[in-house]
Amino acid sequence: MSEIEIRAARFDSPESQRLVRAALTDLGQRYGGSGDDTPVDAVEFEPPGGAFLVAYLAGEPVGCGGWRSHGDAGETAELKRMYTSPVARGRGVARAVLVAVERSAREHGRKRLILECGDKQPEAIAMYTSAGYERIPNFGYYKDAPGCLSFGRTL
């Protein structure tokens, strides 16, 4: 099995955007529509207020995830755009990206990581709960949407 390499990337880079488009296509197939209408701006993923990471297997980009600041206190980060390409699923990519995102957020002073997930993503829900995330009150763009599940974890 190839070693997973995680690198910081600009959210608006062509490589990152290919993965983000694939993530939105996957979500669109599960939920309909565009996949996710949450407003996202590339600048939100620039340090020190955020970061975006890309995972590589054998030099090929196969996954991504990022965090952006959430709230006014500067202690909470929101996980966004987690995705693993179908060809790389089941190989630990998502878990490696999650660990790297958590580390990055912690290194930038965040004490908590929160996320929104939909009920049609059982594999994501299983990964988050096995990584210590617990249900929290819904927040954000999909707060009142049916099937929205929010999770959080102290870093």
Protein backbone atom coordinates (compact mmCIF):
# COMPACT_ATOMS: atom_id res chain seq x y z
CA MET A 1 0.00 0.00 0.00
CA SER A 2 1.30 3.46 -0.89
CA GLU A 3 2.03 5.93 1.84
CA ILE A 4 -0.43 8.80 2.19
CA GLU A 5 1.14 12.23 1.88
CA ILE A 6 -0.78 15.29 3.07
CA ARG A 7 0.18 18.76 1.84
CA ALA A 8 -1.20 22.22 2.49
CA ALA A 9 -2.75 23.70 -0.65
CA ARG A 10 -4.61 26.79 -1.67
CA PHE A 11 -8.35 26.17 -1.74
CA ASP A 12 -8.59 27.85 -5.14
CA SER A 13 -5.72 25.87 -6.74
CA PRO A 14 -6.70 23.72 -9.75
CA GLU A 15 -5.87 20.48 -7.87
CA SER A 16 -7.96 21.48 -4.84
CA GLN A 17 -10.84 22.62 -7.01
CA ARG A 18 -10.91 19.31 -8.92
CA LEU A 19 -11.33 17.48 -5.61
CA VAL A 20 -13.91 19.98 -4.33
CA ARG A 21 -15.95 19.59 -7.53
CA ALA A 22 -15.79 15.79 -7.14
CA ALA A 23 -16.94 16.17 -3.52
CA LEU A 24 -19.89 18.34 -4.56
CA THR A 25 -20.80 15.87 -7.34
CA ASP A 26 -20.79 13.05 -4.78
CA LEU A 27 -23.00 15.07 -2.42
CA GLY A 28 -25.29 16.03 -5.31
CA GLN A 29 -25.79 12.35 -6.13
CA ARG A 30 -26.68 11.63 -2.51
CA TYR A 31 -28.87 14.67 -1.81
CA GLY A 32 -29.72 16.24 -5.15
CA GLY A 33 -29.00 19.75 -6.34
CA SER A 34 -25.49 21.18 -6.28
CA GLY A 35 -24.45 18.98 -3.37
CA ASP A 36 -23.73 21.83 -0.96
CA ASP A 37 -24.81 25.45 -1.20
CA THR A 38 -22.92 26.58 1.91
CA PRO A 39 -21.17 29.85 1.08
CA VAL A 40 -17.43 29.22 0.95
CA ASP A 41 -14.70 31.73 0.07
CA ALA A 42 -11.12 30.63 -0.68
CA VAL A 43 -9.73 33.26 1.68
CA GLU A 44 -11.41 31.47 4.61
CA PHE A 45 -8.93 28.60 4.15
CA GLU A 46 -5.80 30.75 4.39
CA PRO A 47 -3.73 30.78 7.60
CA PRO A 48 -4.13 31.85 10.28
CA GLY A 49 -7.92 31.70 9.90
CA GLY A 50 -8.03 28.35 8.15
CA ALA A 51 -6.20 25.81 6.04
CA PHE A 52 -6.87 23.44 3.18
CA LEU A 53 -5.10 20.11 2.80
CA VAL A 54 -4.78 17.66 -0.09
CA ALA A 55 -3.95 13.96 0.30
CA TYR A 56 -1.82 12.11 -2.24
CA LEU A 57 -1.31 8.41 -2.91
CA ALA A 58 1.54 7.55 -5.29
CA GLY A 59 1.74 11.25 -6.16
CA GLU A 60 -1.91 11.49 -7.22
CA PRO A 61 -4.36 13.80 -5.39
CA VAL A 62 -7.03 11.55 -3.88
CA GLY A 63 -8.57 13.45 -0.98
CA CYS A 64 -8.98 16.78 0.71
CA GLY A 65 -10.34 18.63 3.68
CA GLY A 66 -10.01 21.97 5.32
CA TRP A 67 -10.97 24.07 8.27
CA ARG A 68 -12.11 27.64 8.65
CA SER A 69 -12.67 29.76 11.72
CA HIS A 70 -16.13 29.57 13.24
CA GLY A 71 -17.60 32.15 15.59
CA ASP A 72 -16.09 35.26 17.08
CA ALA A 73 -13.99 33.81 19.91
CA GLY A 74 -11.41 32.27 17.57
CA GLU A 75 -11.35 28.98 19.47
CA THR A 76 -13.56 26.92 17.15
CA ALA A 77 -12.84 25.64 13.65
CA GLU A 78 -15.34 24.22 11.19
CA LEU A 79 -14.38 21.22 9.06
CA LYS A 80 -15.28 21.71 5.38
CA ARG A 81 -14.95 19.88 2.07
CA MET A 82 -13.78 16.50 3.38
CA TYR A 83 -13.59 14.10 0.45
CA THR A 84 -11.86 10.93 -0.69
CA SER A 85 -11.89 9.78 -4.32
CA PRO A 86 -13.68 6.45 -4.83
CA VAL A 87 -10.43 4.79 -6.03
CA ALA A 88 -8.78 5.57 -2.69
CA ARG A 89 -11.61 4.78 -0.27
CA GLY A 90 -10.96 2.20 2.40
CA ARG A 91 -7.22 3.00 2.46
CA GLY A 92 -7.13 5.41 5.42
CA VAL A 93 -7.07 8.61 3.38
CA ALA A 94 -10.04 10.27 5.07
CA ARG A 95 -8.75 9.42 8.54
CA ALA A 96 -5.30 10.80 7.66
CA VAL A 97 -6.84 14.02 6.31
CA LEU A 98 -9.01 14.37 9.43
CA VAL A 99 -5.98 13.95 11.72
CA ALA A 100 -4.02 16.51 9.66
CA VAL A 101 -6.91 19.00 9.71
CA GLU A 102 -7.23 18.61 13.48
CA ARG A 103 -3.48 19.12 13.92
CA SER A 104 -3.51 22.24 11.73
CA ALA A 105 -6.46 23.76 13.59
CA ARG A 106 -4.84 22.99 16.95
CA GLU A 107 -1.54 24.54 15.81
CA HIS A 108 -3.48 27.72 14.97
CA GLY A 109 -4.99 27.94 18.44
CA ARG A 110 -8.33 26.25 17.85
CA LYS A 111 -9.64 24.17 20.73
CA ARG A 112 -12.68 22.61 19.08
CA LEU A 113 -13.60 21.29 15.64
CA ILE A 114 -17.22 21.14 14.47
CA LEU A 115 -18.83 19.90 11.28
CA GLU A 116 -22.10 19.43 9.44
CA CYS A 117 -22.84 16.10 7.79
CA GLY A 118 -25.89 14.62 6.15
CA ASP A 119 -27.68 11.44 7.14
CA LYS A 120 -26.96 9.91 3.70
CA GLN A 121 -23.24 9.70 4.48
CA PRO A 122 -23.07 6.68 6.81
CA GLU A 123 -19.37 6.07 6.15
CA ALA A 124 -18.51 9.65 7.16
CA ILE A 125 -20.70 9.47 10.26
CA ALA A 126 -19.01 6.20 11.29
CA MET A 127 -15.55 7.73 10.84
CA TYR A 128 -16.37 10.89 12.79
CA THR A 129 -17.95 9.03 15.71
CA SER A 130 -15.07 6.53 15.85
CA ALA A 131 -12.68 9.52 15.95
CA GLY A 132 -14.42 10.89 19.05
CA TYR A 133 -16.90 13.31 17.53
CA GLU A 134 -20.23 13.64 19.30
CA ARG A 135 -23.57 15.03 18.16
CA ILE A 136 -24.02 18.72 18.87
CA PRO A 137 -26.92 21.08 18.13
CA ASN A 138 -27.18 21.79 14.42
CA PHE A 139 -25.59 25.02 13.22
CA GLY A 140 -24.71 26.75 10.01
CA TYR A 141 -26.25 26.82 6.57
CA TYR A 142 -28.11 23.51 6.87
CA LYS A 143 -29.12 23.96 10.54
CA ASP A 144 -32.82 23.47 9.83
CA ALA A 145 -32.51 21.06 6.90
CA PRO A 146 -33.96 17.58 7.28
CA GLY A 147 -31.19 15.02 7.68
CA CYS A 148 -28.58 17.50 8.89
CA LEU A 149 -26.34 16.06 11.60
CA SER A 150 -23.76 18.22 13.38
CA PHE A 151 -20.78 16.89 15.31
CA GLY A 152 -18.02 18.36 17.43
CA ARG A 153 -14.85 17.35 19.24
CA THR A 154 -12.44 19.04 21.60
CA LEU A 155 -8.98 19.09 20.05
